[in-house]
Amino acid sequence: IHSDRPVLLDFWAPWCGPCRMIHPVLEEIARERPDV
């Protein structure tokens, strides 16, 4: 709520296959986009 930059929230669960598939993509975005 009080973040000074846009926030991308990922609602996930460890048992969710598609969640595990996008995890590396989200980590990559977190590294590449310090503005988010």
PDB file of all heavy atoms in Angstrom:
ATOM      1  N   ILE A   1       0.823  -1.207   0.000  1.00  0.00           N
ATOM      2  CA  ILE A   1       0.000   0.000   0.000  1.00  0.00           C
ATOM      3  C   ILE A   1       0.862   1.263   0.000  1.00  0.00           C
ATOM      4  O   ILE A   1       0.586   2.217  -0.722  1.00  0.00           O
ATOM      5  CB  ILE A   1      -0.962   0.015   1.212  1.00  0.00           C
ATOM      6  CG1 ILE A   1      -1.892  -1.205   1.177  1.00  0.00           C
ATOM      7  CG2 ILE A   1      -1.764   1.320   1.247  1.00  0.00           C
ATOM      8  CD1 ILE A   1      -2.776  -1.303  -0.048  1.00  0.00           C
ATOM      9  N   HIS A   2       1.917   1.268   0.785  1.00  0.00           N
ATOM     10  CA  HIS A   2       2.764   2.459   0.910  1.00  0.00           C
ATOM     11  C   HIS A   2       4.058   2.360   0.097  1.00  0.00           C
ATOM     12  O   HIS A   2       5.003   3.109   0.356  1.00  0.00           O
ATOM     13  CB  HIS A   2       3.082   2.728   2.383  1.00  0.00           C
ATOM     14  CG  HIS A   2       1.848   2.974   3.205  1.00  0.00           C
ATOM     15  ND1 HIS A   2       1.055   4.076   3.032  1.00  0.00           N
ATOM     16  CD2 HIS A   2       1.258   2.230   4.162  1.00  0.00           C
ATOM     17  CE1 HIS A   2       0.031   4.020   3.859  1.00  0.00           C
ATOM     18  NE2 HIS A   2       0.128   2.897   4.556  1.00  0.00           N
ATOM     19  N   SER A   3       4.093   1.484  -0.880  1.00  0.00           N
ATOM     20  CA  SER A   3       5.285   1.326  -1.719  1.00  0.00           C
ATOM     21  C   SER A   3       5.488   2.573  -2.575  1.00  0.00           C
ATOM     22  O   SER A   3       4.532   3.165  -3.075  1.00  0.00           O
ATOM     23  CB  SER A   3       5.137   0.108  -2.626  1.00  0.00           C
ATOM     24  OG  SER A   3       6.253  -0.008  -3.484  1.00  0.00           O
ATOM     25  N   ASP A   4       6.746   2.961  -2.746  1.00  0.00           N
ATOM     26  CA  ASP A   4       7.073   4.136  -3.565  1.00  0.00           C
ATOM     27  C   ASP A   4       7.219   3.778  -5.046  1.00  0.00           C
ATOM     28  O   ASP A   4       7.598   4.613  -5.854  1.00  0.00           O
ATOM     29  CB  ASP A   4       8.348   4.798  -3.056  1.00  0.00           C
ATOM     30  CG  ASP A   4       9.544   3.860  -3.088  1.00  0.00           C
ATOM     31  OD1 ASP A   4       9.364   2.653  -3.333  1.00  0.00           O
ATOM     32  OD2 ASP A   4      10.669   4.344  -2.853  1.00  0.00           O
ATOM     33  N   ARG A   5       6.919   2.531  -5.390  1.00  0.00           N
ATOM     34  CA  ARG A   5       6.984   2.085  -6.791  1.00  0.00           C
ATOM     35  C   ARG A   5       5.867   1.090  -7.043  1.00  0.00           C
ATOM     36  O   ARG A   5       5.275   0.580  -6.095  1.00  0.00           O
ATOM     37  CB  ARG A   5       8.358   1.496  -7.099  1.00  0.00           C
ATOM     38  CG  ARG A   5       8.777   0.408  -6.175  1.00  0.00           C
ATOM     39  CD  ARG A   5      10.269   0.129  -6.237  1.00  0.00           C
ATOM     40  NE  ARG A   5      10.636  -0.649  -5.063  1.00  0.00           N
ATOM     41  CZ  ARG A   5      11.438  -1.669  -5.060  1.00  0.00           C
ATOM     42  NH1 ARG A   5      12.033  -2.036  -6.163  1.00  0.00           N
ATOM     43  NH2 ARG A   5      11.702  -2.324  -3.969  1.00  0.00           N
ATOM     44  N   PRO A   6       5.554   0.827  -8.306  1.00  0.00           N
ATOM     45  CA  PRO A   6       4.507  -0.160  -8.605  1.00  0.00           C
ATOM     46  C   PRO A   6       4.863  -1.525  -8.012  1.00  0.00           C
ATOM     47  O   PRO A   6       6.037  -1.873  -7.889  1.00  0.00           O
ATOM     48  CB  PRO A   6       4.501  -0.221 -10.136  1.00  0.00           C
ATOM     49  CG  PRO A   6       5.149   1.030 -10.585  1.00  0.00           C
ATOM     50  CD  PRO A   6       6.127   1.408  -9.518  1.00  0.00           C
ATOM     51  N   VAL A   7       3.826  -2.268  -7.648  1.00  0.00           N
ATOM     52  CA  VAL A   7       4.009  -3.593  -7.039  1.00  0.00           C
ATOM     53  C   VAL A   7       3.315  -4.636  -7.908  1.00  0.00           C
ATOM     54  O   VAL A   7       2.150  -4.478  -8.275  1.00  0.00           O
ATOM     55  CB  VAL A   7       3.420  -3.639  -5.613  1.00  0.00           C
ATOM     56  CG1 VAL A   7       3.610  -5.022  -4.997  1.00  0.00           C
ATOM     57  CG2 VAL A   7       4.045  -2.564  -4.728  1.00  0.00           C
ATOM     58  N   LEU A   8       4.054  -5.678  -8.248  1.00  0.00           N
ATOM     59  CA  LEU A   8       3.504  -6.838  -8.944  1.00  0.00           C
ATOM     60  C   LEU A   8       3.364  -7.943  -7.908  1.00  0.00           C
ATOM     61  O   LEU A   8       4.365  -8.435  -7.388  1.00  0.00           O
ATOM     62  CB  LEU A   8       4.426  -7.284 -10.081  1.00  0.00           C
ATOM     63  CG  LEU A   8       4.092  -8.607 -10.774  1.00  0.00           C
ATOM     64  CD1 LEU A   8       2.723  -8.538 -11.449  1.00  0.00           C
ATOM     65  CD2 LEU A   8       5.170  -8.968 -11.786  1.00  0.00           C
ATOM     66  N   LEU A   9       2.126  -8.291  -7.562  1.00  0.00           N
ATOM     67  CA  LEU A   9       1.876  -9.343  -6.586  1.00  0.00           C
ATOM     68  C   LEU A   9       1.605 -10.657  -7.299  1.00  0.00           C
ATOM     69  O   LEU A   9       0.838 -10.704  -8.258  1.00  0.00           O
ATOM     70  CB  LEU A   9       0.664  -9.004  -5.722  1.00  0.00           C
ATOM     71  CG  LEU A   9       0.817  -7.898  -4.693  1.00  0.00           C
ATOM     72  CD1 LEU A   9      -0.507  -7.690  -3.962  1.00  0.00           C
ATOM     73  CD2 LEU A   9       1.930  -8.200  -3.713  1.00  0.00           C
ATOM     74  N   ASP A  10       2.231 -11.707  -6.791  1.00  0.00           N
ATOM     75  CA  ASP A  10       2.023 -13.058  -7.297  1.00  0.00           C
ATOM     76  C   ASP A  10       1.354 -13.868  -6.197  1.00  0.00           C
ATOM     77  O   ASP A  10       1.962 -14.117  -5.159  1.00  0.00           O
ATOM     78  CB  ASP A  10       3.367 -13.679  -7.676  1.00  0.00           C
ATOM     79  CG  ASP A  10       3.268 -15.163  -8.017  1.00  0.00           C
ATOM     80  OD1 ASP A  10       2.211 -15.585  -8.528  1.00  0.00           O
ATOM     81  OD2 ASP A  10       4.255 -15.889  -7.783  1.00  0.00           O
ATOM     82  N   PHE A  11       0.081 -14.226  -6.399  1.00  0.00           N
ATOM     83  CA  PHE A  11      -0.615 -15.120  -5.478  1.00  0.00           C
ATOM     84  C   PHE A  11      -0.329 -16.537  -5.947  1.00  0.00           C
ATOM     85  O   PHE A  11      -0.642 -16.890  -7.087  1.00  0.00           O
ATOM     86  CB  PHE A  11      -2.119 -14.836  -5.484  1.00  0.00           C
ATOM     87  CG  PHE A  11      -2.477 -13.534  -4.840  1.00  0.00           C
ATOM     88  CD1 PHE A  11      -2.469 -12.361  -5.581  1.00  0.00           C
ATOM     89  CD2 PHE A  11      -2.796 -13.469  -3.496  1.00  0.00           C
ATOM     90  CE1 PHE A  11      -2.795 -11.150  -4.993  1.00  0.00           C
ATOM     91  CE2 PHE A  11      -3.121 -12.259  -2.894  1.00  0.00           C
ATOM     92  CZ  PHE A  11      -3.125 -11.095  -3.642  1.00  0.00           C
ATOM     93  N   TRP A  12       0.276 -17.353  -5.093  1.00  0.00           N
ATOM     94  CA  TRP A  12       0.782 -18.655  -5.497  1.00  0.00           C
ATOM     95  C   TRP A  12       0.627 -19.666  -4.358  1.00  0.00           C
ATOM     96  O   TRP A  12       0.257 -19.309  -3.239  1.00  0.00           O
ATOM     97  CB  TRP A  12       2.258 -18.536  -5.888  1.00  0.00           C
ATOM     98  CG  TRP A  12       3.135 -18.295  -4.700  1.00  0.00           C
ATOM     99  CD1 TRP A  12       3.268 -17.121  -3.994  1.00  0.00           C
ATOM    100  CD2 TRP A  12       3.946 -19.243  -4.027  1.00  0.00           C
ATOM    101  NE1 TRP A  12       4.115 -17.293  -2.936  1.00  0.00           N
ATOM    102  CE2 TRP A  12       4.555 -18.587  -2.936  1.00  0.00           C
ATOM    103  CE3 TRP A  12       4.222 -20.578  -4.244  1.00  0.00           C
ATOM    104  CZ2 TRP A  12       5.421 -19.234  -2.049  1.00  0.00           C
ATOM    105  CZ3 TRP A  12       5.097 -21.225  -3.372  1.00  0.00           C
ATOM    106  CH2 TRP A  12       5.681 -20.543  -2.290  1.00  0.00           C
ATOM    107  N   ALA A  13       0.964 -20.918  -4.648  1.00  0.00           N
ATOM    108  CA  ALA A  13       1.049 -21.988  -3.647  1.00  0.00           C
ATOM    109  C   ALA A  13       2.132 -22.970  -4.107  1.00  0.00           C
ATOM    110  O   ALA A  13       2.345 -23.142  -5.305  1.00  0.00           O
ATOM    111  CB  ALA A  13      -0.287 -22.707  -3.491  1.00  0.00           C
ATOM    112  N   PRO A  14       2.830 -23.587  -3.147  1.00  0.00           N
ATOM    113  CA  PRO A  14       3.926 -24.496  -3.515  1.00  0.00           C
ATOM    114  C   PRO A  14       3.478 -25.710  -4.327  1.00  0.00           C
ATOM    115  O   PRO A  14       4.257 -26.261  -5.098  1.00  0.00           O
ATOM    116  CB  PRO A  14       4.521 -24.927  -2.174  1.00  0.00           C
ATOM    117  CG  PRO A  14       3.686 -24.343  -1.104  1.00  0.00           C
ATOM    118  CD  PRO A  14       2.686 -23.415  -1.709  1.00  0.00           C
ATOM    119  N   TRP A  15       2.220 -26.128  -4.201  1.00  0.00           N
ATOM    120  CA  TRP A  15       1.722 -27.311  -4.913  1.00  0.00           C
ATOM    121  C   TRP A  15       1.239 -26.994  -6.330  1.00  0.00           C
ATOM    122  O   TRP A  15       0.869 -27.885  -7.079  1.00  0.00           O
ATOM    123  CB  TRP A  15       0.579 -27.948  -4.125  1.00  0.00           C
ATOM    124  CG  TRP A  15      -0.442 -26.966  -3.647  1.00  0.00           C
ATOM    125  CD1 TRP A  15      -0.505 -26.405  -2.396  1.00  0.00           C
ATOM    126  CD2 TRP A  15      -1.524 -26.398  -4.387  1.00  0.00           C
ATOM    127  NE1 TRP A  15      -1.554 -25.522  -2.326  1.00  0.00           N
ATOM    128  CE2 TRP A  15      -2.196 -25.494  -3.537  1.00  0.00           C
ATOM    129  CE3 TRP A  15      -1.986 -26.542  -5.691  1.00  0.00           C
ATOM    130  CZ2 TRP A  15      -3.306 -24.763  -3.940  1.00  0.00           C
ATOM    131  CZ3 TRP A  15      -3.092 -25.802  -6.098  1.00  0.00           C
ATOM    132  CH2 TRP A  15      -3.740 -24.933  -5.223  1.00  0.00           C
ATOM    133  N   CYS A  16       1.264 -25.712  -6.712  1.00  0.00           N
ATOM    134  CA  CYS A  16       0.714 -25.262  -7.996  1.00  0.00           C
ATOM    135  C   CYS A  16       1.778 -25.316  -9.097  1.00  0.00           C
ATOM    136  O   CYS A  16       2.760 -24.579  -9.064  1.00  0.00           O
ATOM    137  CB  CYS A  16       0.183 -23.835  -7.803  1.00  0.00           C
ATOM    138  SG  CYS A  16      -0.184 -22.946  -9.315  1.00  0.00           S
ATOM    139  N   GLY A  17       1.566 -26.186 -10.083  1.00  0.00           N
ATOM    140  CA  GLY A  17       2.516 -26.337 -11.190  1.00  0.00           C
ATOM    141  C   GLY A  17       2.727 -25.059 -11.988  1.00  0.00           C
ATOM    142  O   GLY A  17       3.869 -24.639 -12.206  1.00  0.00           O
ATOM    143  N   PRO A  18       1.660 -24.394 -12.446  1.00  0.00           N
ATOM    144  CA  PRO A  18       1.845 -23.143 -13.188  1.00  0.00           C
ATOM    145  C   PRO A  18       2.545 -22.062 -12.355  1.00  0.00           C
ATOM    146  O   PRO A  18       3.292 -21.242 -12.890  1.00  0.00           O
ATOM    147  CB  PRO A  18       0.415 -22.730 -13.554  1.00  0.00           C
ATOM    148  CG  PRO A  18      -0.356 -24.011 -13.587  1.00  0.00           C
ATOM    149  CD  PRO A  18       0.256 -24.856 -12.498  1.00  0.00           C
ATOM    150  N   CYS A  19       2.317 -22.078 -11.033  1.00  0.00           N
ATOM    151  CA  CYS A  19       3.006 -21.113 -10.157  1.00  0.00           C
ATOM    152  C   CYS A  19       4.521 -21.359 -10.202  1.00  0.00           C
ATOM    153  O   CYS A  19       5.307 -20.409 -10.262  1.00  0.00           O
ATOM    154  CB  CYS A  19       2.516 -21.240  -8.714  1.00  0.00           C
ATOM    155  SG  CYS A  19       0.760 -20.906  -8.484  1.00  0.00           S
ATOM    156  N   ARG A  20       4.898 -22.623 -10.162  1.00  0.00           N
ATOM    157  CA  ARG A  20       6.324 -22.960 -10.219  1.00  0.00           C
ATOM    158  C   ARG A  20       6.909 -22.600 -11.583  1.00  0.00           C
ATOM    159  O   ARG A  20       8.073 -22.229 -11.685  1.00  0.00           O
ATOM    160  CB  ARG A  20       6.532 -24.444  -9.909  1.00  0.00           C
ATOM    161  CG  ARG A  20       6.270 -24.783  -8.448  1.00  0.00           C
ATOM    162  CD  ARG A  20       6.792 -26.163  -8.067  1.00  0.00           C
ATOM    163  NE  ARG A  20       6.308 -27.238  -8.920  1.00  0.00           N
ATOM    164  CZ  ARG A  20       5.212 -27.948  -8.694  1.00  0.00           C
ATOM    165  NH1 ARG A  20       4.466 -27.702  -7.654  1.00  0.00           N
ATOM    166  NH2 ARG A  20       4.870 -28.914  -9.510  1.00  0.00           N
ATOM    167  N   MET A  21       6.090 -22.683 -12.631  1.00  0.00           N
ATOM    168  CA  MET A  21       6.565 -22.344 -13.984  1.00  0.00           C
ATOM    169  C   MET A  21       6.907 -20.857 -14.105  1.00  0.00           C
ATOM    170  O   MET A  21       7.889 -20.508 -14.752  1.00  0.00           O
ATOM    171  CB  MET A  21       5.504 -22.702 -15.029  1.00  0.00           C
ATOM    172  CG  MET A  21       5.388 -24.169 -15.328  1.00  0.00           C
ATOM    173  SD  MET A  21       3.998 -24.559 -16.439  1.00  0.00           S
ATOM    174  CE  MET A  21       4.090 -23.291 -17.662  1.00  0.00           C
ATOM    175  N   ILE A  22       6.094 -19.981 -13.502  1.00  0.00           N
ATOM    176  CA  ILE A  22       6.355 -18.549 -13.672  1.00  0.00           C
ATOM    177  C   ILE A  22       7.307 -17.984 -12.614  1.00  0.00           C
ATOM    178  O   ILE A  22       7.765 -16.858 -12.751  1.00  0.00           O
ATOM    179  CB  ILE A  22       5.057 -17.707 -13.722  1.00  0.00           C
ATOM    180  CG1 ILE A  22       4.323 -17.721 -12.392  1.00  0.00           C
ATOM    181  CG2 ILE A  22       4.178 -18.142 -14.864  1.00  0.00           C
ATOM    182  CD1 ILE A  22       3.229 -16.654 -12.307  1.00  0.00           C
ATOM    183  N   HIS A  23       7.619 -18.778 -11.596  1.00  0.00           N
ATOM    184  CA  HIS A  23       8.525 -18.295 -10.544  1.00  0.00           C
ATOM    185  C   HIS A  23       9.842 -17.751 -11.098  1.00  0.00           C
ATOM    186  O   HIS A  23      10.234 -16.627 -10.745  1.00  0.00           O
ATOM    187  CB  HIS A  23       8.765 -19.383  -9.498  1.00  0.00           C
ATOM    188  CG  HIS A  23       9.741 -18.986  -8.454  1.00  0.00           C
ATOM    189  ND1 HIS A  23       9.412 -18.151  -7.409  1.00  0.00           N
ATOM    190  CD2 HIS A  23      11.057 -19.271  -8.306  1.00  0.00           C
ATOM    191  CE1 HIS A  23      10.488 -17.949  -6.668  1.00  0.00           C
ATOM    192  NE2 HIS A  23      11.491 -18.627  -7.193  1.00  0.00           N
ATOM    193  N   PRO A  24      10.551 -18.491 -11.978  1.00  0.00           N
ATOM    194  CA  PRO A  24      11.817 -17.953 -12.493  1.00  0.00           C
ATOM    195  C   PRO A  24      11.622 -16.662 -13.291  1.00  0.00           C
ATOM    196  O   PRO A  24      12.482 -15.776 -13.273  1.00  0.00           O
ATOM    197  CB  PRO A  24      12.366 -19.059 -13.394  1.00  0.00           C
ATOM    198  CG  PRO A  24      11.561 -20.268 -13.131  1.00  0.00           C
ATOM    199  CD  PRO A  24      10.289 -19.839 -12.470  1.00  0.00           C
ATOM    200  N   VAL A  25      10.500 -16.535 -13.988  1.00  0.00           N
ATOM    201  CA  VAL A  25      10.213 -15.324 -14.763  1.00  0.00           C
ATOM    202  C   VAL A  25      10.045 -14.137 -13.821  1.00  0.00           C
ATOM    203  O   VAL A  25      10.579 -13.046 -14.061  1.00  0.00           O
ATOM    204  CB  VAL A  25       8.953 -15.520 -15.636  1.00  0.00           C
ATOM    205  CG1 VAL A  25       8.539 -14.227 -16.304  1.00  0.00           C
ATOM    206  CG2 VAL A  25       9.172 -16.619 -16.659  1.00  0.00           C
ATOM    207  N   LEU A  26       9.342 -14.351 -12.715  1.00  0.00           N
ATOM    208  CA  LEU A  26       9.129 -13.265 -11.757  1.00  0.00           C
ATOM    209  C   LEU A  26      10.438 -12.871 -11.077  1.00  0.00           C
ATOM    210  O   LEU A  26      10.691 -11.684 -10.837  1.00  0.00           O
ATOM    211  CB  LEU A  26       8.073 -13.671 -10.729  1.00  0.00           C
ATOM    212  CG  LEU A  26       6.681 -13.897 -11.316  1.00  0.00           C
ATOM    213  CD1 LEU A  26       5.741 -14.469 -10.266  1.00  0.00           C
ATOM    214  CD2 LEU A  26       6.115 -12.619 -11.908  1.00  0.00           C
ATOM    215  N   GLU A  27      11.280 -13.853 -10.782  1.00  0.00           N
ATOM    216  CA  GLU A  27      12.601 -13.555 -10.204  1.00  0.00           C
ATOM    217  C   GLU A  27      13.421 -12.719 -11.193  1.00  0.00           C
ATOM    218  O   GLU A  27      14.110 -11.771 -10.799  1.00  0.00           O
ATOM    219  CB  GLU A  27      13.349 -14.845  -9.859  1.00  0.00           C
ATOM    220  CG  GLU A  27      12.787 -15.586  -8.672  1.00  0.00           C
ATOM    221  CD  GLU A  27      13.068 -14.906  -7.335  1.00  0.00           C
ATOM    222  OE1 GLU A  27      14.021 -14.115  -7.243  1.00  0.00           O
ATOM    223  OE2 GLU A  27      12.313 -15.165  -6.388  1.00  0.00           O
ATOM    224  N   GLU A  28      13.341 -13.081 -12.462  1.00  0.00           N
ATOM    225  CA  GLU A  28      14.055 -12.353 -13.508  1.00  0.00           C
ATOM    226  C   GLU A  28      13.556 -10.901 -13.596  1.00  0.00           C
ATOM    227  O   GLU A  28      14.360  -9.967 -13.676  1.00  0.00           O
ATOM    228  CB  GLU A  28      13.828 -13.074 -14.838  1.00  0.00           C
ATOM    229  CG  GLU A  28      14.812 -12.764 -15.921  1.00  0.00           C
ATOM    230  CD  GLU A  28      14.557 -13.677 -17.120  1.00  0.00           C
ATOM    231  OE1 GLU A  28      14.880 -14.874 -17.044  1.00  0.00           O
ATOM    232  OE2 GLU A  28      14.038 -13.152 -18.127  1.00  0.00           O
ATOM    233  N   ILE A  29      12.251 -10.724 -13.564  1.00  0.00           N
ATOM    234  CA  ILE A  29      11.682  -9.373 -13.610  1.00  0.00           C
ATOM    235  C   ILE A  29      12.134  -8.576 -12.388  1.00  0.00           C
ATOM    236  O   ILE A  29      12.496  -7.397 -12.500  1.00  0.00           O
ATOM    237  CB  ILE A  29      10.140  -9.435 -13.703  1.00  0.00           C
ATOM    238  CG1 ILE A  29       9.723  -9.980 -15.082  1.00  0.00           C
ATOM    239  CG2 ILE A  29       9.524  -8.057 -13.454  1.00  0.00           C
ATOM    240  CD1 ILE A  29       8.243 -10.303 -15.206  1.00  0.00           C
ATOM    241  N   ALA A  30      12.138  -9.215 -11.223  1.00  0.00           N
ATOM    242  CA  ALA A  30      12.573  -8.527  -9.996  1.00  0.00           C
ATOM    243  C   ALA A  30      14.023  -8.055 -10.119  1.00  0.00           C
ATOM    244  O   ALA A  30      14.360  -6.962  -9.656  1.00  0.00           O
ATOM    245  CB  ALA A  30      12.411  -9.448  -8.791  1.00  0.00           C
ATOM    246  N   ARG A  31      14.871  -8.861 -10.758  1.00  0.00           N
ATOM    247  CA  ARG A  31      16.283  -8.476 -10.937  1.00  0.00           C
ATOM    248  C   ARG A  31      16.442  -7.384 -11.988  1.00  0.00           C
ATOM    249  O   ARG A  31      17.235  -6.464 -11.822  1.00  0.00           O
ATOM    250  CB  ARG A  31      17.117  -9.690 -11.350  1.00  0.00           C
ATOM    251  CG  ARG A  31      17.499 -10.600 -10.222  1.00  0.00           C
ATOM    252  CD  ARG A  31      18.560 -11.618 -10.647  1.00  0.00           C
ATOM    253  NE  ARG A  31      18.218 -12.340 -11.871  1.00  0.00           N
ATOM    254  CZ  ARG A  31      17.494 -13.450 -11.925  1.00  0.00           C
ATOM    255  NH1 ARG A  31      17.014 -13.968 -10.824  1.00  0.00           N
ATOM    256  NH2 ARG A  31      17.261 -14.040 -13.072  1.00  0.00           N
ATOM    257  N   GLU A  32      15.685  -7.505 -13.072  1.00  0.00           N
ATOM    258  CA  GLU A  32      15.852  -6.590 -14.208  1.00  0.00           C
ATOM    259  C   GLU A  32      15.131  -5.259 -14.048  1.00  0.00           C
ATOM    260  O   GLU A  32      15.470  -4.286 -14.725  1.00  0.00           O
ATOM    261  CB  GLU A  32      15.337  -7.263 -15.493  1.00  0.00           C
ATOM    262  CG  GLU A  32      16.155  -8.453 -15.926  1.00  0.00           C
ATOM    263  CD  GLU A  32      15.518  -9.193 -17.095  1.00  0.00           C
ATOM    264  OE1 GLU A  32      14.405  -8.821 -17.527  1.00  0.00           O
ATOM    265  OE2 GLU A  32      16.153 -10.155 -17.576  1.00  0.00           O
ATOM    266  N   ARG A  33      14.112  -5.200 -13.202  1.00  0.00           N
ATOM    267  CA  ARG A  33      13.276  -3.999 -13.082  1.00  0.00           C
ATOM    268  C   ARG A  33      13.288  -3.460 -11.653  1.00  0.00           C
ATOM    269  O   ARG A  33      12.337  -3.672 -10.882  1.00  0.00           O
ATOM    270  CB  ARG A  33      11.834  -4.318 -13.499  1.00  0.00           C
ATOM    271  CG  ARG A  33      11.614  -4.684 -14.952  1.00  0.00           C
ATOM    272  CD  ARG A  33      11.694  -3.480 -15.882  1.00  0.00           C
ATOM    273  NE  ARG A  33      10.795  -2.399 -15.523  1.00  0.00           N
ATOM    274  CZ  ARG A  33       9.549  -2.249 -15.997  1.00  0.00           C
ATOM    275  NH1 ARG A  33       9.068  -3.097 -16.869  1.00  0.00           N
ATOM    276  NH2 ARG A  33       8.810  -1.229 -15.598  1.00  0.00           N
ATOM    277  N   PRO A  34      14.337  -2.739 -11.281  1.00  0.00           N
ATOM    278  CA  PRO A  34      14.389  -2.182  -9.917  1.00  0.00           C
ATOM    279  C   PRO A  34      13.304  -1.141  -9.669  1.00  0.00           C
ATOM    280  O   PRO A  34      13.045  -0.780  -8.528  1.00  0.00           O
ATOM    281  CB  PRO A  34      15.785  -1.570  -9.832  1.00  0.00           C
ATOM    282  CG  PRO A  34      16.213  -1.361 -11.241  1.00  0.00           C
ATOM    283  CD  PRO A  34      15.520  -2.403 -12.071  1.00  0.00           C
ATOM    284  N   ASP A  35      12.641  -0.679 -10.741  1.00  0.00           N
ATOM    285  CA  ASP A  35      11.559   0.295 -10.596  1.00  0.00           C
ATOM    286  C   ASP A  35      10.239  -0.366 -10.201  1.00  0.00           C
ATOM    287  O   ASP A  35       9.244   0.324  -9.962  1.00  0.00           O
ATOM    288  CB  ASP A  35      11.370   1.073 -11.902  1.00  0.00           C
ATOM    289  CG  ASP A  35      11.006   0.154 -13.076  1.00  0.00           C
ATOM    290  OD1 ASP A  35      11.630  -0.919 -13.215  1.00  0.00           O
ATOM    291  OD2 ASP A  35      10.106   0.525 -13.853  1.00  0.00           O
ATOM    292  N   VAL A  36      10.220  -1.707 -10.103  1.00  0.00           N
ATOM    293  CA  VAL A  36       9.015  -2.461  -9.751  1.00  0.00           C
ATOM    294  C   VAL A  36       9.346  -3.378  -8.584  1.00  0.00           C
ATOM    295  O   VAL A  36      10.384  -4.022  -8.571  1.00  0.00           O
ATOM    296  CB  VAL A  36       8.520  -3.312 -10.949  1.00  0.00           C
ATOM    297  CG1 VAL A  36       7.354  -4.198 -10.555  1.00  0.00           C
ATOM    298  CG2 VAL A  36       8.162  -2.427 -12.129  1.00  0.00           C
TER     299      VAL A  36
END
